[in-house]
PDB file of N, CA and C in Angstrom:
ATOM      1  N   MET A   1       0.870  -1.239   0.060  1.00  0.00           N
ATOM      2  CA  MET A   1      -0.052  -0.068   0.025  1.00  0.00           C
ATOM      3  C   MET A   1       0.849   1.208  -0.053  1.00  0.00           C
ATOM      4  N   SER A   2       0.646   2.100  -0.846  1.00  0.00           N
ATOM      5  CA  SER A   2       1.440   3.338  -0.866  1.00  0.00           C
ATOM      6  C   SER A   2       1.132   4.336   0.383  1.00  0.00           C
ATOM      7  N   VAL A   3       2.028   5.220   0.401  1.00  0.00           N
ATOM      8  CA  VAL A   3       2.003   6.151   1.712  1.00  0.00           C
ATOM      9  C   VAL A   3       0.699   7.024   1.433  1.00  0.00           C
ATOM     10  N   GLY A   4       0.337   7.595   0.259  1.00  0.00           N
ATOM     11  CA  GLY A   4      -0.764   8.396   0.141  1.00  0.00           C
ATOM     12  C   GLY A   4      -2.102   7.600   0.229  1.00  0.00           C
ATOM     13  N   ARG A   5      -2.025   6.318  -0.164  1.00  0.00           N
ATOM     14  CA  ARG A   5      -3.234   5.435  -0.009  1.00  0.00           C
ATOM     15  C   ARG A   5      -3.462   5.141   1.487  1.00  0.00           C
ATOM     16  N   ALA A   6      -2.344   4.944   2.227  1.00  0.00           N
ATOM     17  CA  ALA A   6      -2.466   4.606   3.702  1.00  0.00           C
ATOM     18  C   ALA A   6      -2.977   5.905   4.443  1.00  0.00           C
ATOM     19  N   ALA A   7      -2.458   7.038   3.979  1.00  0.00           N
ATOM     20  CA  ALA A   7      -2.983   8.282   4.625  1.00  0.00           C
ATOM     21  C   ALA A   7      -4.562   8.506   4.535  1.00  0.00           C
ATOM     22  N   ARG A   8      -4.906   8.298   3.415  1.00  0.00           N
ATOM     23  CA  ARG A   8      -6.263   8.360   3.094  1.00  0.00           C
ATOM     24  C   ARG A   8      -7.094   7.369   3.843  1.00  0.00           C
ATOM     25  N   TRP A   9      -6.676   6.218   3.853  1.00  0.00           N
ATOM     26  CA  TRP A   9      -7.311   5.154   4.585  1.00  0.00           C
ATOM     27  C   TRP A   9      -7.399   5.435   6.153  1.00  0.00           C
ATOM     28  N   ALA A  10      -6.315   5.884   6.632  1.00  0.00           N
ATOM     29  CA  ALA A  10      -6.272   6.338   8.184  1.00  0.00           C
ATOM     30  C   ALA A  10      -7.254   7.628   8.321  1.00  0.00           C
ATOM     31  N   ALA A  11      -7.217   8.435   7.436  1.00  0.00           N
ATOM     32  CA  ALA A  11      -8.187   9.637   7.604  1.00  0.00           C
ATOM     33  C   ALA A  11      -9.616   9.162   7.526  1.00  0.00           C
ATOM     34  N   TRP A  12      -9.894   8.270   6.752  1.00  0.00           N
ATOM     35  CA  TRP A  12     -11.272   7.815   6.609  1.00  0.00           C
ATOM     36  C   TRP A  12     -11.596   7.075   7.849  1.00  0.00           C
ATOM     37  N   LEU A  13     -10.760   6.501   8.506  1.00  0.00           N
ATOM     38  CA  LEU A  13     -11.036   5.638   9.722  1.00  0.00           C
ATOM     39  C   LEU A  13     -11.305   6.434  10.938  1.00  0.00           C
ATOM     40  N   ALA A  14     -10.739   7.650  10.983  1.00  0.00           N
ATOM     41  CA  ALA A  14     -11.076   8.489  12.042  1.00  0.00           C
ATOM     42  C   ALA A  14     -12.545   8.848  12.327  1.00  0.00           C
ATOM     43  N   TRP A  15     -13.273   9.088  11.213  1.00  0.00           N
ATOM     44  CA  TRP A  15     -14.708   9.447  11.440  1.00  0.00           C
ATOM     45  C   TRP A  15     -15.616   8.405  11.807  1.00  0.00           C
ATOM     46  N   PRO A  16     -15.352   7.223  11.243  1.00  0.00           N
ATOM     47  CA  PRO A  16     -16.286   6.059  11.948  1.00  0.00           C
ATOM     48  C   PRO A  16     -16.021   5.873  13.513  1.00  0.00           C
ATOM     49  N   LEU A  17     -14.805   6.098  13.823  1.00  0.00           N
ATOM     50  CA  LEU A  17     -14.388   5.860  15.211  1.00  0.00           C
ATOM     51  C   LEU A  17     -15.215   6.933  16.038  1.00  0.00           C
ATOM     52  N   THR A  18     -15.183   8.081  15.593  1.00  0.00           N
ATOM     53  CA  THR A  18     -15.878   9.253  16.130  1.00  0.00           C
ATOM     54  C   THR A  18     -17.336   8.923  16.139  1.00  0.00           C
ATOM     55  N   GLY A  19     -17.910   8.368  15.078  1.00  0.00           N
ATOM     56  CA  GLY A  19     -19.391   8.027  15.033  1.00  0.00           C
ATOM     57  C   GLY A  19     -19.711   6.980  16.132  1.00  0.00           C
ATOM     58  N   LEU A  20     -18.777   6.070  16.392  1.00  0.00           N
ATOM     59  CA  LEU A  20     -18.860   5.081  17.287  1.00  0.00           C
ATOM     60  C   LEU A  20     -18.844   5.645  18.802  1.00  0.00           C
ATOM     61  N   CYS A  21     -18.068   6.743  19.028  1.00  0.00           N
ATOM     62  CA  CYS A  21     -18.237   7.496  20.301  1.00  0.00           C
ATOM     63  C   CYS A  21     -19.451   8.137  20.473  1.00  0.00           C
ATOM     64  N   PHE A  22     -19.995   8.848  19.393  1.00  0.00           N
ATOM     65  CA  PHE A  22     -21.347   9.413  19.548  1.00  0.00           C
ATOM     66  C   PHE A  22     -22.407   8.480  19.705  1.00  0.00           C
ATOM     67  N   ALA A  23     -22.325   7.281  19.204  1.00  0.00           N
ATOM     68  CA  ALA A  23     -23.334   6.216  19.416  1.00  0.00           C
ATOM     69  C   ALA A  23     -23.233   5.848  20.787  1.00  0.00           C
ATOM     70  N   ALA A  24     -22.111   5.660  21.480  1.00  0.00           N
ATOM     71  CA  ALA A  24     -22.002   5.301  22.911  1.00  0.00           C
ATOM     72  C   ALA A  24     -22.476   6.456  23.710  1.00  0.00           C
ATOM     73  N   VAL A  25     -22.252   7.724  23.289  1.00  0.00           N
ATOM     74  CA  VAL A  25     -22.885   8.866  24.058  1.00  0.00           C
ATOM     75  C   VAL A  25     -24.296   8.762  24.006  1.00  0.00           C
ATOM     76  N   ALA A  26     -24.958   8.479  22.935  1.00  0.00           N
ATOM     77  CA  ALA A  26     -26.297   8.535  22.873  1.00  0.00           C
ATOM     78  C   ALA A  26     -26.887   7.301  23.672  1.00  0.00           C
ATOM     79  N   ALA A  27     -26.267   6.208  23.683  1.00  0.00           N
ATOM     80  CA  ALA A  27     -26.780   5.129  24.559  1.00  0.00           C
ATOM     81  C   ALA A  27     -26.541   5.380  26.027  1.00  0.00           C
ATOM     82  N   THR A  28     -25.593   6.166  26.455  1.00  0.00           N
ATOM     83  CA  THR A  28     -25.396   6.600  27.821  1.00  0.00           C
ATOM     84  C   THR A  28     -26.395   7.430  28.232  1.00  0.00           C
ATOM     85  N   VAL A  29     -26.758   8.417  27.343  1.00  0.00           N
ATOM     86  CA  VAL A  29     -27.817   9.518  27.578  1.00  0.00           C
ATOM     87  C   VAL A  29     -29.158   8.780  27.750  1.00  0.00           C
ATOM     88  N   VAL A  30     -29.420   7.758  26.870  1.00  0.00           N
ATOM     89  CA  VAL A  30     -30.798   7.041  27.000  1.00  0.00           C
ATOM     90  C   VAL A  30     -30.879   6.321  28.267  1.00  0.00           C
ATOM     91  N   LEU A  31     -29.797   5.659  28.632  1.00  0.00           N
ATOM     92  CA  LEU A  31     -29.743   4.879  29.883  1.00  0.00           C
ATOM     93  C   LEU A  31     -29.834   5.727  31.040  1.00  0.00           C
ATOM     94  N   VAL A  32     -29.313   6.869  31.080  1.00  0.00           N
ATOM     95  CA  VAL A  32     -29.275   7.807  32.230  1.00  0.00           C
ATOM     96  C   VAL A  32     -30.660   8.419  32.357  1.00  0.00           C
ATOM     97  N   LEU A  33     -31.401   8.684  31.171  1.00  0.00           N
ATOM     98  CA  LEU A  33     -32.681   9.048  31.174  1.00  0.00           C
ATOM     99  C   LEU A  33     -33.739   8.123  31.695  1.00  0.00           C
ATOM    100  N   LEU A  34     -33.500   6.686  31.346  1.00  0.00           N
ATOM    101  CA  LEU A  34     -34.294   5.649  31.824  1.00  0.00           C
ATOM    102  C   LEU A  34     -34.119   5.461  33.180  1.00  0.00           C
ATOM    103  N   GLY A  35     -33.014   5.490  33.729  1.00  0.00           N
ATOM    104  CA  GLY A  35     -32.739   5.292  35.226  1.00  0.00           C
ATOM    105  C   GLY A  35     -32.557   6.687  35.857  1.00  0.00           C
ATOM    106  N   SER A  36     -32.223   6.745  37.032  1.00  0.00           N
ATOM    107  CA  SER A  36     -31.837   7.879  37.635  1.00  0.00           C
ATOM    108  C   SER A  36     -30.472   7.715  38.426  1.00  0.00           C
ATOM    109  N   PRO A  37     -29.480   8.724  38.257  1.00  0.00           N
ATOM    110  CA  PRO A  37     -28.340   8.631  39.173  1.00  0.00           C
ATOM    111  C   PRO A  37     -28.706   8.731  40.585  1.00  0.00           C
ATOM    112  N   ALA A  38     -27.809   8.058  41.409  1.00  0.00           N
ATOM    113  CA  ALA A  38     -28.158   8.098  42.876  1.00  0.00           C
ATOM    114  C   ALA A  38     -28.083   9.374  43.520  1.00  0.00           C
ATOM    115  N   THR A  39     -27.243  10.236  42.946  1.00  0.00           N
ATOM    116  CA  THR A  39     -27.247  11.571  43.659  1.00  0.00           C
ATOM    117  C   THR A  39     -26.961  12.668  42.574  1.00  0.00           C
ATOM    118  N   PRO A  40     -27.086  13.880  42.767  1.00  0.00           N
ATOM    119  CA  PRO A  40     -26.773  14.944  41.752  1.00  0.00           C
ATOM    120  C   PRO A  40     -25.372  14.928  41.351  1.00  0.00           C
ATOM    121  N   SER A  41     -24.460  14.588  42.444  1.00  0.00           N
ATOM    122  CA  SER A  41     -23.117  14.619  42.000  1.00  0.00           C
ATOM    123  C   SER A  41     -22.775  13.417  40.998  1.00  0.00           C
ATOM    124  N   ASP A  42     -23.573  12.374  41.037  1.00  0.00           N
ATOM    125  CA  ASP A  42     -23.217  11.270  40.166  1.00  0.00           C
ATOM    126  C   ASP A  42     -23.647  11.698  38.755  1.00  0.00           C
ATOM    127  N   ALA A  43     -24.735  12.444  38.558  1.00  0.00           N
ATOM    128  CA  ALA A  43     -25.133  12.857  37.238  1.00  0.00           C
ATOM    129  C   ALA A  43     -24.164  13.874  36.746  1.00  0.00           C
ATOM    130  N   ALA A  44     -23.589  14.807  37.641  1.00  0.00           N
ATOM    131  CA  ALA A  44     -22.597  15.726  37.218  1.00  0.00           C
ATOM    132  C   ALA A  44     -21.351  14.971  36.701  1.00  0.00           C
ATOM    133  N   ASN A  45     -20.951  13.956  37.323  1.00  0.00           N
ATOM    134  CA  ASN A  45     -19.780  13.154  36.884  1.00  0.00           C
ATOM    135  C   ASN A  45     -20.057  12.566  35.581  1.00  0.00           C
ATOM    136  N   LEU A  46     -21.291  11.915  35.419  1.00  0.00           N
ATOM    137  CA  LEU A  46     -21.748  11.475  34.135  1.00  0.00           C
ATOM    138  C   LEU A  46     -21.480  12.341  32.977  1.00  0.00           C
ATOM    139  N   TYR A  47     -22.074  13.467  33.215  1.00  0.00           N
ATOM    140  CA  TYR A  47     -22.236  14.522  32.108  1.00  0.00           C
ATOM    141  C   TYR A  47     -20.673  15.093  31.962  1.00  0.00           C
ATOM    142  N   GLN A  48     -19.871  15.141  32.883  1.00  0.00           N
ATOM    143  CA  GLN A  48     -18.519  15.775  32.626  1.00  0.00           C
ATOM    144  C   GLN A  48     -17.789  14.589  31.903  1.00  0.00           C
ATOM    145  N   GLY A  49     -17.974  13.408  32.271  1.00  0.00           N
ATOM    146  CA  GLY A  49     -17.324  12.307  31.552  1.00  0.00           C
ATOM    147  C   GLY A  49     -17.689  12.253  30.035  1.00  0.00           C
ATOM    148  N   ILE A  50     -18.903  12.463  29.783  1.00  0.00           N
ATOM    149  CA  ILE A  50     -19.502  12.541  28.425  1.00  0.00           C
ATOM    150  C   ILE A  50     -18.810  13.717  27.684  1.00  0.00           C
ATOM    151  N   ALA A  51     -18.821  14.853  28.322  1.00  0.00           N
ATOM    152  CA  ALA A  51     -18.304  16.101  27.584  1.00  0.00           C
ATOM    153  C   ALA A  51     -16.769  16.019  27.300  1.00  0.00           C
ATOM    154  N   ALA A  52     -16.102  15.388  28.205  1.00  0.00           N
ATOM    155  CA  ALA A  52     -14.523  15.045  28.064  1.00  0.00           C
ATOM    156  C   ALA A  52     -14.368  14.174  26.946  1.00  0.00           C
ATOM    157  N   ALA A  53     -15.201  12.919  26.976  1.00  0.00           N
ATOM    158  CA  ALA A  53     -14.908  12.037  25.881  1.00  0.00           C
ATOM    159  C   ALA A  53     -15.286  12.610  24.495  1.00  0.00           C
ATOM    160  N   VAL A  54     -16.387  13.391  24.419  1.00  0.00           N
ATOM    161  CA  VAL A  54     -16.643  13.938  23.021  1.00  0.00           C
ATOM    162  C   VAL A  54     -15.596  15.066  22.536  1.00  0.00           C
ATOM    163  N   ALA A  55     -15.181  15.861  23.672  1.00  0.00           N
ATOM    164  CA  ALA A  55     -13.979  16.667  23.151  1.00  0.00           C
ATOM    165  C   ALA A  55     -12.788  16.152  22.733  1.00  0.00           C
ATOM    166  N   PHE A  56     -12.327  15.007  23.584  1.00  0.00           N
ATOM    167  CA  PHE A  56     -11.208  14.249  23.203  1.00  0.00           C
ATOM    168  C   PHE A  56     -11.313  13.694  21.732  1.00  0.00           C
ATOM    169  N   THR A  57     -12.502  13.030  21.504  1.00  0.00           N
ATOM    170  CA  THR A  57     -12.686  12.412  20.281  1.00  0.00           C
ATOM    171  C   THR A  57     -12.768  13.385  19.079  1.00  0.00           C
ATOM    172  N   LEU A  58     -13.403  14.456  19.209  1.00  0.00           N
ATOM    173  CA  LEU A  58     -13.470  15.453  18.274  1.00  0.00           C
ATOM    174  C   LEU A  58     -12.233  15.969  17.813  1.00  0.00           C
ATOM    175  N   VAL A  59     -11.332  16.298  18.802  1.00  0.00           N
ATOM    176  CA  VAL A  59     -10.002  16.909  18.623  1.00  0.00           C
ATOM    177  C   VAL A  59      -9.167  15.765  17.926  1.00  0.00           C
ATOM    178  N   GLY A  60      -9.231  14.623  18.499  1.00  0.00           N
ATOM    179  CA  GLY A  60      -8.502  13.554  17.886  1.00  0.00           C
ATOM    180  C   GLY A  60      -8.917  13.310  16.421  1.00  0.00           C
ATOM    181  N   ALA A  61     -10.130  13.282  15.985  1.00  0.00           N
ATOM    182  CA  ALA A  61     -10.565  13.052  14.616  1.00  0.00           C
ATOM    183  C   ALA A  61     -10.010  14.153  13.805  1.00  0.00           C
ATOM    184  N   ILE A  62     -10.093  15.313  14.284  1.00  0.00           N
ATOM    185  CA  ILE A  62      -9.681  16.427  13.350  1.00  0.00           C
ATOM    186  C   ILE A  62      -8.084  16.277  13.141  1.00  0.00           C
ATOM    187  N   VAL A  63      -7.309  16.032  14.295  1.00  0.00           N
ATOM    188  CA  VAL A  63      -6.044  15.828  14.082  1.00  0.00           C
ATOM    189  C   VAL A  63      -5.574  14.644  13.182  1.00  0.00           C
ATOM    190  N   ALA A  64      -6.320  13.481  13.340  1.00  0.00           N
ATOM    191  CA  ALA A  64      -6.005  12.367  12.663  1.00  0.00           C
ATOM    192  C   ALA A  64      -6.376  12.468  11.196  1.00  0.00           C
ATOM    193  N   THR A  65      -7.441  13.285  11.005  1.00  0.00           N
ATOM    194  CA  THR A  65      -7.689  13.486   9.570  1.00  0.00           C
ATOM    195  C   THR A  65      -6.771  14.257   8.734  1.00  0.00           C
ATOM    196  N   ARG A  66      -6.305  15.344   9.439  1.00  0.00           N
ATOM    197  CA  ARG A  66      -5.289  16.191   8.707  1.00  0.00           C
ATOM    198  C   ARG A  66      -3.849  15.639   8.872  1.00  0.00           C
ATOM    199  N   ARG A  67      -3.466  15.072   9.831  1.00  0.00           N
ATOM    200  CA  ARG A  67      -2.079  14.520  10.004  1.00  0.00           C
ATOM    201  C   ARG A  67      -2.320  13.064  10.498  1.00  0.00           C
ATOM    202  N   SER A  68      -2.572  12.246   9.569  1.00  0.00           N
ATOM    203  CA  SER A  68      -2.873  10.755   9.987  1.00  0.00           C
ATOM    204  C   SER A  68      -1.576  10.049  10.575  1.00  0.00           C
ATOM    205  N   SER A  69      -0.432  10.599  10.243  1.00  0.00           N
ATOM    206  CA  SER A  69       0.758   9.971  10.727  1.00  0.00           C
ATOM    207  C   SER A  69       1.082  10.452  12.291  1.00  0.00           C
ATOM    208  N   ASN A  70       0.274  11.574  12.715  1.00  0.00           N
ATOM    209  CA  ASN A  70       0.565  12.078  14.051  1.00  0.00           C
ATOM    210  C   ASN A  70      -0.075  11.126  15.064  1.00  0.00           C
ATOM    211  N   PRO A  71       0.665  10.577  16.058  1.00  0.00           N
ATOM    212  CA  PRO A  71      -0.032   9.699  16.949  1.00  0.00           C
ATOM    213  C   PRO A  71      -1.049  10.404  17.969  1.00  0.00           C
ATOM    214  N   ILE A  72      -0.825  11.500  18.151  1.00  0.00           N
ATOM    215  CA  ILE A  72      -1.674  12.380  19.129  1.00  0.00           C
ATOM    216  C   ILE A  72      -3.153  12.208  18.801  1.00  0.00           C
ATOM    217  N   GLY A  73      -3.323  12.393  17.462  1.00  0.00           N
ATOM    218  CA  GLY A  73      -4.817  12.312  17.041  1.00  0.00           C
ATOM    219  C   GLY A  73      -5.317  10.909  17.527  1.00  0.00           C
ATOM    220  N   TRP A  74      -4.644   9.948  17.129  1.00  0.00           N
ATOM    221  CA  TRP A  74      -5.154   8.640  17.379  1.00  0.00           C
ATOM    222  C   TRP A  74      -5.196   8.225  18.877  1.00  0.00           C
ATOM    223  N   LEU A  75      -4.339   8.868  19.617  1.00  0.00           N
ATOM    224  CA  LEU A  75      -4.334   8.726  21.075  1.00  0.00           C
ATOM    225  C   LEU A  75      -5.600   9.429  21.648  1.00  0.00           C
ATOM    226  N   PHE A  76      -5.866  10.580  21.121  1.00  0.00           N
ATOM    227  CA  PHE A  76      -7.090  11.309  21.682  1.00  0.00           C
ATOM    228  C   PHE A  76      -8.454  10.566  21.287  1.00  0.00           C
ATOM    229  N   ILE A  77      -8.378   9.916  20.056  1.00  0.00           N
ATOM    230  CA  ILE A  77      -9.517   9.291  19.766  1.00  0.00           C
ATOM    231  C   ILE A  77      -9.730   8.027  20.673  1.00  0.00           C
ATOM    232  N   GLY A  78      -8.624   7.292  21.038  1.00  0.00           N
ATOM    233  CA  GLY A  78      -8.575   6.226  21.946  1.00  0.00           C
ATOM    234  C   GLY A  78      -9.057   6.638  23.316  1.00  0.00           C
ATOM    235  N   ILE A  79      -8.517   7.769  23.724  1.00  0.00           N
ATOM    236  CA  ILE A  79      -8.888   8.351  25.015  1.00  0.00           C
ATOM    237  C   ILE A  79     -10.327   8.599  25.085  1.00  0.00           C
ATOM    238  N   GLY A  80     -10.952   9.350  24.129  1.00  0.00           N
ATOM    239  CA  GLY A  80     -12.386   9.545  24.046  1.00  0.00           C
ATOM    240  C   GLY A  80     -13.246   8.318  24.055  1.00  0.00           C
ATOM    241  N   LEU A  81     -12.697   7.327  23.177  1.00  0.00           N
ATOM    242  CA  LEU A  81     -13.553   6.047  23.138  1.00  0.00           C
ATOM    243  C   LEU A  81     -13.546   5.235  24.514  1.00  0.00           C
ATOM    244  N   SER A  82     -12.403   5.173  25.070  1.00  0.00           N
ATOM    245  CA  SER A  82     -12.266   4.540  26.344  1.00  0.00           C
ATOM    246  C   SER A  82     -13.039   5.274  27.442  1.00  0.00           C
ATOM    247  N   GLY A  83     -13.040   6.631  27.346  1.00  0.00           N
ATOM    248  CA  GLY A  83     -13.752   7.393  28.323  1.00  0.00           C
ATOM    249  C   GLY A  83     -15.186   7.151  28.228  1.00  0.00           C
ATOM    250  N   VAL A  84     -15.768   7.108  27.028  1.00  0.00           N
ATOM    251  CA  VAL A  84     -17.306   7.037  26.892  1.00  0.00           C
ATOM    252  C   VAL A  84     -17.583   5.690  27.223  1.00  0.00           C
ATOM    253  N   LEU A  85     -16.905   4.692  26.831  1.00  0.00           N
ATOM    254  CA  LEU A  85     -17.210   3.397  27.178  1.00  0.00           C
ATOM    255  C   LEU A  85     -17.139   3.103  28.679  1.00  0.00           C
ATOM    256  N   GLY A  86     -16.294   3.694  29.335  1.00  0.00           N
ATOM    257  CA  GLY A  86     -16.166   3.665  30.823  1.00  0.00           C
ATOM    258  C   GLY A  86     -17.438   4.244  31.360  1.00  0.00           C
ATOM    259  N   VAL A  87     -17.931   5.426  30.927  1.00  0.00           N
ATOM    260  CA  VAL A  87     -19.082   6.004  31.436  1.00  0.00           C
ATOM    261  C   VAL A  87     -20.414   5.135  31.059  1.00  0.00           C
ATOM    262  N   LEU A  88     -20.294   4.587  29.903  1.00  0.00           N
ATOM    263  CA  LEU A  88     -21.483   3.814  29.414  1.00  0.00           C
ATOM    264  C   LEU A  88     -21.642   2.549  30.315  1.00  0.00           C
ATOM    265  N   THR A  89     -20.394   1.877  30.731  1.00  0.00           N
ATOM    266  CA  THR A  89     -20.638   0.681  31.601  1.00  0.00           C
ATOM    267  C   THR A  89     -20.724   1.155  32.947  1.00  0.00           C
TER     268      THR A  89
END
């Protein structure tokens, strides 16, 4: 695979991973609305976790799309995904 083709493939992969993060955020919000957190501080922690995960994932997707060889973008996507999956579970 050529370098240009690999870069396009990597840039394409960043957005589906971001979509996966948003799907997990949507599932988390639905589960929070169906149940209720034990205390208001639990709800605040959930929303802060969701906000941080979305921010990390969006910044990571932008960096990974524009500079696919830069590992920081991919690390940010990974941090965002692991954060939202942690909140979801």
